[in-house]
Amino acid sequence: MTPATARPPGRPRVGIDAAVFAATLATVHDLGYAGATMDRVAAAAGVAKTTLYRRWESKGVLIVDCLLDALGPVPLEGSDRVELLSSAIRWTAARIAEPGVAGAFAGVFVDAVSDPTLRQVLATRFQAPYLAALRSVLDEPDDRILLLVDVVVGTLLHRAGITGAPMVDADVDALTAMVLHQFATPGGTATR
């Protein structure tokens, strides 16, 4: 008979997600998205592969949750629209520059092109909360908010993919200026 205070065998559940997310980003950073298999992530996290599959039905879904954890909510701060957009763009650039994040982002997007289920997960669990947050503070229609996200995230990921490095501050400044030209005023370009 086991005493009432004895712990069940195996690793405690608390902290497993954090360990898996850290291992996922480290594995993507070290081996690339394709090399970050569920086997390798499990080994790096010190858990069984079955532990991963109990929580995430696929590598793509794991990556989505990992990115949500790594990014967190976008800080929508500023006394006006220009400050708000500028801080959001700089925050996005800083997050994408973190080790493993750009590779995870780009890899899951590529997988989603031919995987409608993963595309749905990306749209509902990942993108929808960010679009809703931006829509609530910018008062723009969905197509303009999506364009804003496409331009910023797409540009940052393209640069990381082409150069293997995050965008430098001067180029983030230029990207911010270009975006502000279109989005500094609701519904259109800024006045000159």
C-alpha atoms as a PDB file:
ATOM      1  CA  MET A   1       0.000   0.000   0.000  1.00  0.00           C
ATOM      2  CA  THR A   2       1.334   3.405  -1.002  1.00  0.00           C
ATOM      3  CA  PRO A   3       1.347   6.108   1.677  1.00  0.00           C
ATOM      4  CA  ALA A   4      -1.027   9.002   0.979  1.00  0.00           C
ATOM      5  CA  THR A   5       1.875  11.451   0.686  1.00  0.00           C
ATOM      6  CA  ALA A   6       3.808   9.495  -1.939  1.00  0.00           C
ATOM      7  CA  ARG A   7       4.008  11.048  -5.393  1.00  0.00           C
ATOM      8  CA  PRO A   8       2.929   9.067  -8.416  1.00  0.00           C
ATOM      9  CA  PRO A   9       5.745   7.860 -10.649  1.00  0.00           C
ATOM     10  CA  GLY A  10       6.904  10.042 -13.511  1.00  0.00           C
ATOM     11  CA  ARG A  11       7.685  13.700 -13.959  1.00  0.00           C
ATOM     12  CA  PRO A  12       5.415  16.255 -12.267  1.00  0.00           C
ATOM     13  CA  ARG A  13       3.011  17.870 -14.714  1.00  0.00           C
ATOM     14  CA  VAL A  14       3.758  21.387 -13.522  1.00  0.00           C
ATOM     15  CA  GLY A  15       6.417  22.884 -15.736  1.00  0.00           C
ATOM     16  CA  ILE A  16       6.207  20.359 -18.551  1.00  0.00           C
ATOM     17  CA  ASP A  17       4.771  22.878 -21.012  1.00  0.00           C
ATOM     18  CA  ALA A  18       7.505  25.405 -20.167  1.00  0.00           C
ATOM     19  CA  ALA A  19      10.203  22.745 -20.574  1.00  0.00           C
ATOM     20  CA  VAL A  20       8.726  21.582 -23.884  1.00  0.00           C
ATOM     21  CA  PHE A  21       8.375  25.130 -25.248  1.00  0.00           C
ATOM     22  CA  ALA A  22      11.978  25.980 -24.316  1.00  0.00           C
ATOM     23  CA  ALA A  23      13.194  22.711 -25.839  1.00  0.00           C
ATOM     24  CA  THR A  24      11.153  23.326 -28.990  1.00  0.00           C
ATOM     25  CA  LEU A  25      12.612  26.773 -29.637  1.00  0.00           C
ATOM     26  CA  ALA A  26      16.132  25.580 -28.806  1.00  0.00           C
ATOM     27  CA  THR A  27      15.773  22.614 -31.154  1.00  0.00           C
ATOM     28  CA  VAL A  28      14.409  24.792 -33.969  1.00  0.00           C
ATOM     29  CA  HIS A  29      17.253  27.248 -33.378  1.00  0.00           C
ATOM     30  CA  ASP A  30      19.904  24.505 -33.432  1.00  0.00           C
ATOM     31  CA  LEU A  31      18.530  22.143 -36.097  1.00  0.00           C
ATOM     32  CA  GLY A  32      16.032  24.202 -38.082  1.00  0.00           C
ATOM     33  CA  TYR A  33      12.294  23.658 -38.285  1.00  0.00           C
ATOM     34  CA  ALA A  34      12.564  20.415 -40.261  1.00  0.00           C
ATOM     35  CA  GLY A  35      15.119  19.026 -37.813  1.00  0.00           C
ATOM     36  CA  ALA A  36      12.941  19.794 -34.804  1.00  0.00           C
ATOM     37  CA  THR A  37      11.082  16.500 -34.818  1.00  0.00           C
ATOM     38  CA  MET A  38       8.784  15.443 -32.013  1.00  0.00           C
ATOM     39  CA  ASP A  39      11.404  12.821 -31.029  1.00  0.00           C
ATOM     40  CA  ARG A  40      14.144  15.437 -30.748  1.00  0.00           C
ATOM     41  CA  VAL A  41      11.949  17.925 -28.894  1.00  0.00           C
ATOM     42  CA  ALA A  42      10.879  15.219 -26.430  1.00  0.00           C
ATOM     43  CA  ALA A  43      14.498  14.217 -25.829  1.00  0.00           C
ATOM     44  CA  ALA A  44      15.579  17.838 -25.349  1.00  0.00           C
ATOM     45  CA  ALA A  45      12.696  18.441 -22.921  1.00  0.00           C
ATOM     46  CA  GLY A  46      13.381  15.230 -21.017  1.00  0.00           C
ATOM     47  CA  VAL A  47       9.907  13.825 -21.621  1.00  0.00           C
ATOM     48  CA  ALA A  48       8.496  10.882 -23.518  1.00  0.00           C
ATOM     49  CA  LYS A  49       7.239  11.465 -27.039  1.00  0.00           C
ATOM     50  CA  THR A  50       3.854  10.179 -25.861  1.00  0.00           C
ATOM     51  CA  THR A  51       3.760  13.121 -23.422  1.00  0.00           C
ATOM     52  CA  LEU A  52       3.999  15.487 -26.377  1.00  0.00           C
ATOM     53  CA  TYR A  53       1.289  13.710 -28.355  1.00  0.00           C
ATOM     54  CA  ARG A  54      -1.062  13.717 -25.359  1.00  0.00           C
ATOM     55  CA  ARG A  55      -0.868  17.511 -25.326  1.00  0.00           C
ATOM     56  CA  TRP A  56      -0.330  18.359 -29.009  1.00  0.00           C
ATOM     57  CA  GLU A  57      -1.665  16.208 -31.832  1.00  0.00           C
ATOM     58  CA  SER A  58       1.069  17.329 -34.234  1.00  0.00           C
ATOM     59  CA  LYS A  59       4.321  19.221 -34.467  1.00  0.00           C
ATOM     60  CA  GLY A  60       2.459  22.121 -36.079  1.00  0.00           C
ATOM     61  CA  VAL A  61       0.044  22.454 -33.160  1.00  0.00           C
ATOM     62  CA  LEU A  62       2.970  22.251 -30.716  1.00  0.00           C
ATOM     63  CA  ILE A  63       4.727  25.038 -32.621  1.00  0.00           C
ATOM     64  CA  VAL A  64       1.585  27.208 -32.564  1.00  0.00           C
ATOM     65  CA  ASP A  65       1.282  26.866 -28.783  1.00  0.00           C
ATOM     66  CA  CYS A  66       5.021  27.390 -28.392  1.00  0.00           C
ATOM     67  CA  LEU A  67       4.814  30.633 -30.390  1.00  0.00           C
ATOM     68  CA  LEU A  68       1.802  31.813 -28.397  1.00  0.00           C
ATOM     69  CA  ASP A  69       3.797  31.222 -25.234  1.00  0.00           C
ATOM     70  CA  ALA A  70       6.945  32.913 -26.607  1.00  0.00           C
ATOM     71  CA  LEU A  71       5.114  35.950 -27.928  1.00  0.00           C
ATOM     72  CA  GLY A  72       2.424  36.482 -25.342  1.00  0.00           C
ATOM     73  CA  PRO A  73      -0.058  39.287 -25.891  1.00  0.00           C
ATOM     74  CA  VAL A  74       1.074  42.250 -27.963  1.00  0.00           C
ATOM     75  CA  PRO A  75       1.562  45.251 -25.689  1.00  0.00           C
ATOM     76  CA  LEU A  76      -0.702  47.865 -27.217  1.00  0.00           C
ATOM     77  CA  GLU A  77       0.595  50.922 -25.459  1.00  0.00           C
ATOM     78  CA  GLY A  78       0.971  54.534 -26.386  1.00  0.00           C
ATOM     79  CA  SER A  79      -0.708  57.862 -25.995  1.00  0.00           C
ATOM     80  CA  ASP A  80      -1.683  57.964 -29.664  1.00  0.00           C
ATOM     81  CA  ARG A  81      -1.990  55.779 -32.738  1.00  0.00           C
ATOM     82  CA  VAL A  82       1.588  56.452 -33.925  1.00  0.00           C
ATOM     83  CA  GLU A  83       3.102  55.418 -30.567  1.00  0.00           C
ATOM     84  CA  LEU A  84       0.861  52.371 -30.389  1.00  0.00           C
ATOM     85  CA  LEU A  85       1.806  51.160 -33.874  1.00  0.00           C
ATOM     86  CA  SER A  86       5.484  51.966 -33.401  1.00  0.00           C
ATOM     87  CA  SER A  87       5.716  50.047 -30.129  1.00  0.00           C
ATOM     88  CA  ALA A  88       3.785  47.085 -31.559  1.00  0.00           C
ATOM     89  CA  ILE A  89       6.108  46.871 -34.588  1.00  0.00           C
ATOM     90  CA  ARG A  90       9.244  47.089 -32.444  1.00  0.00           C
ATOM     91  CA  TRP A  91       7.840  44.489 -30.035  1.00  0.00           C
ATOM     92  CA  THR A  92       7.117  42.146 -32.967  1.00  0.00           C
ATOM     93  CA  ALA A  93      10.629  42.627 -34.362  1.00  0.00           C
ATOM     94  CA  ALA A  94      12.172  41.890 -30.956  1.00  0.00           C
ATOM     95  CA  ARG A  95      10.116  38.726 -30.478  1.00  0.00           C
ATOM     96  CA  ILE A  96      10.863  37.399 -33.960  1.00  0.00           C
ATOM     97  CA  ALA A  97      14.578  38.029 -33.287  1.00  0.00           C
ATOM     98  CA  GLU A  98      14.570  35.656 -30.293  1.00  0.00           C
ATOM     99  CA  PRO A  99      16.380  32.349 -30.923  1.00  0.00           C
ATOM    100  CA  GLY A 100      14.174  29.827 -32.700  1.00  0.00           C
ATOM    101  CA  VAL A 101      11.128  32.068 -33.070  1.00  0.00           C
ATOM    102  CA  ALA A 102      11.603  33.100 -36.718  1.00  0.00           C
ATOM    103  CA  GLY A 103      12.360  29.512 -37.741  1.00  0.00           C
ATOM    104  CA  ALA A 104       9.330  28.191 -35.874  1.00  0.00           C
ATOM    105  CA  PHE A 105       7.119  30.921 -37.352  1.00  0.00           C
ATOM    106  CA  ALA A 106       8.270  30.382 -40.920  1.00  0.00           C
ATOM    107  CA  GLY A 107       8.224  26.601 -40.692  1.00  0.00           C
ATOM    108  CA  VAL A 108       4.699  26.332 -39.339  1.00  0.00           C
ATOM    109  CA  PHE A 109       3.464  28.799 -41.970  1.00  0.00           C
ATOM    110  CA  VAL A 110       4.998  26.704 -44.752  1.00  0.00           C
ATOM    111  CA  ASP A 111       3.445  23.532 -43.318  1.00  0.00           C
ATOM    112  CA  ALA A 112       0.056  25.256 -43.126  1.00  0.00           C
ATOM    113  CA  VAL A 113       0.066  26.000 -46.866  1.00  0.00           C
ATOM    114  CA  SER A 114      -0.687  22.333 -47.587  1.00  0.00           C
ATOM    115  CA  ASP A 115      -2.376  21.405 -44.287  1.00  0.00           C
ATOM    116  CA  PRO A 116      -5.900  22.845 -43.939  1.00  0.00           C
ATOM    117  CA  THR A 117      -6.219  21.611 -40.349  1.00  0.00           C
ATOM    118  CA  LEU A 118      -3.033  23.381 -39.282  1.00  0.00           C
ATOM    119  CA  ARG A 119      -4.097  26.472 -41.238  1.00  0.00           C
ATOM    120  CA  GLN A 120      -7.338  26.507 -39.228  1.00  0.00           C
ATOM    121  CA  VAL A 121      -5.390  26.193 -35.954  1.00  0.00           C
ATOM    122  CA  LEU A 122      -3.161  29.093 -37.008  1.00  0.00           C
ATOM    123  CA  ALA A 123      -6.149  31.219 -37.982  1.00  0.00           C
ATOM    124  CA  THR A 124      -8.217  30.597 -34.864  1.00  0.00           C
ATOM    125  CA  ARG A 125      -5.758  30.001 -32.030  1.00  0.00           C
ATOM    126  CA  PHE A 126      -2.834  32.095 -33.168  1.00  0.00           C
ATOM    127  CA  GLN A 127      -3.848  34.907 -35.489  1.00  0.00           C
ATOM    128  CA  ALA A 128      -7.397  35.676 -34.331  1.00  0.00           C
ATOM    129  CA  PRO A 129      -6.463  36.991 -30.855  1.00  0.00           C
ATOM    130  CA  TYR A 130      -3.815  39.316 -32.302  1.00  0.00           C
ATOM    131  CA  LEU A 131      -6.173  40.588 -35.001  1.00  0.00           C
ATOM    132  CA  ALA A 132      -8.905  41.199 -32.418  1.00  0.00           C
ATOM    133  CA  ALA A 133      -6.534  43.120 -30.146  1.00  0.00           C
ATOM    134  CA  LEU A 134      -5.329  45.317 -33.002  1.00  0.00           C
ATOM    135  CA  ARG A 135      -8.863  45.829 -34.319  1.00  0.00           C
ATOM    136  CA  SER A 136     -10.053  46.977 -30.898  1.00  0.00           C
ATOM    137  CA  VAL A 137      -7.458  49.744 -30.587  1.00  0.00           C
ATOM    138  CA  LEU A 138      -7.065  50.793 -34.222  1.00  0.00           C
ATOM    139  CA  ASP A 139     -10.719  50.763 -35.269  1.00  0.00           C
ATOM    140  CA  GLU A 140      -9.865  49.446 -38.734  1.00  0.00           C
ATOM    141  CA  PRO A 141     -11.701  46.859 -40.842  1.00  0.00           C
ATOM    142  CA  ASP A 142     -10.440  43.282 -40.848  1.00  0.00           C
ATOM    143  CA  ASP A 143      -8.791  43.522 -44.258  1.00  0.00           C
ATOM    144  CA  ARG A 144      -6.653  46.506 -43.165  1.00  0.00           C
ATOM    145  CA  ILE A 145      -5.645  44.833 -39.899  1.00  0.00           C
ATOM    146  CA  LEU A 146      -4.668  41.700 -41.818  1.00  0.00           C
ATOM    147  CA  LEU A 147      -2.633  43.823 -44.248  1.00  0.00           C
ATOM    148  CA  LEU A 148      -0.832  45.469 -41.335  1.00  0.00           C
ATOM    149  CA  VAL A 149       0.071  42.077 -39.849  1.00  0.00           C
ATOM    150  CA  ASP A 150       1.062  40.665 -43.246  1.00  0.00           C
ATOM    151  CA  VAL A 151       3.388  43.572 -44.001  1.00  0.00           C
ATOM    152  CA  VAL A 152       5.090  43.640 -40.601  1.00  0.00           C
ATOM    153  CA  VAL A 153       5.403  39.917 -39.873  1.00  0.00           C
ATOM    154  CA  GLY A 154       6.011  38.984 -43.509  1.00  0.00           C
ATOM    155  CA  THR A 155       8.804  41.529 -43.856  1.00  0.00           C
ATOM    156  CA  LEU A 156      10.496  40.484 -40.611  1.00  0.00           C
ATOM    157  CA  LEU A 157      10.318  36.769 -41.483  1.00  0.00           C
ATOM    158  CA  HIS A 158      11.507  37.388 -45.027  1.00  0.00           C
ATOM    159  CA  ARG A 159      14.570  39.210 -43.731  1.00  0.00           C
ATOM    160  CA  ALA A 160      15.337  36.427 -41.243  1.00  0.00           C
ATOM    161  CA  GLY A 161      14.938  33.831 -43.981  1.00  0.00           C
ATOM    162  CA  ILE A 162      17.104  35.652 -46.489  1.00  0.00           C
ATOM    163  CA  THR A 163      19.898  36.751 -44.159  1.00  0.00           C
ATOM    164  CA  GLY A 164      19.656  34.257 -41.292  1.00  0.00           C
ATOM    165  CA  ALA A 165      19.605  37.202 -38.919  1.00  0.00           C
ATOM    166  CA  PRO A 166      16.965  39.479 -37.447  1.00  0.00           C
ATOM    167  CA  MET A 167      16.302  42.861 -38.985  1.00  0.00           C
ATOM    168  CA  VAL A 168      18.668  45.553 -37.692  1.00  0.00           C
ATOM    169  CA  ASP A 169      17.252  48.514 -35.781  1.00  0.00           C
ATOM    170  CA  ALA A 170      17.704  50.981 -38.653  1.00  0.00           C
ATOM    171  CA  ASP A 171      15.640  48.753 -40.925  1.00  0.00           C
ATOM    172  CA  VAL A 172      12.975  48.278 -38.232  1.00  0.00           C
ATOM    173  CA  ASP A 173      12.831  52.088 -38.078  1.00  0.00           C
ATOM    174  CA  ALA A 174      12.348  52.238 -41.872  1.00  0.00           C
ATOM    175  CA  LEU A 175       9.673  49.523 -41.756  1.00  0.00           C
ATOM    176  CA  THR A 176       7.894  51.423 -38.988  1.00  0.00           C
ATOM    177  CA  ALA A 177       7.964  54.641 -41.025  1.00  0.00           C
ATOM    178  CA  MET A 178       6.523  52.865 -44.086  1.00  0.00           C
ATOM    179  CA  VAL A 179       3.749  51.257 -42.048  1.00  0.00           C
ATOM    180  CA  LEU A 180       2.938  54.522 -40.311  1.00  0.00           C
ATOM    181  CA  HIS A 181       2.543  56.182 -43.697  1.00  0.00           C
ATOM    182  CA  GLN A 182      -0.382  53.833 -44.376  1.00  0.00           C
ATOM    183  CA  PHE A 183      -1.790  53.347 -40.867  1.00  0.00           C
ATOM    184  CA  ALA A 184      -1.079  56.501 -38.824  1.00  0.00           C
ATOM    185  CA  THR A 185      -4.589  57.723 -39.576  1.00  0.00           C
ATOM    186  CA  PRO A 186      -7.683  55.500 -39.637  1.00  0.00           C
ATOM    187  CA  GLY A 187      -8.625  54.185 -43.043  1.00  0.00           C
ATOM    188  CA  GLY A 188      -5.764  55.480 -45.130  1.00  0.00           C
ATOM    189  CA  THR A 189      -2.459  57.196 -45.572  1.00  0.00           C
ATOM    190  CA  ALA A 190      -1.118  59.889 -43.311  1.00  0.00           C
ATOM    191  CA  THR A 191      -1.397  63.476 -44.343  1.00  0.00           C
ATOM    192  CA  ARG A 192       1.807  65.210 -45.402  1.00  0.00           C
END
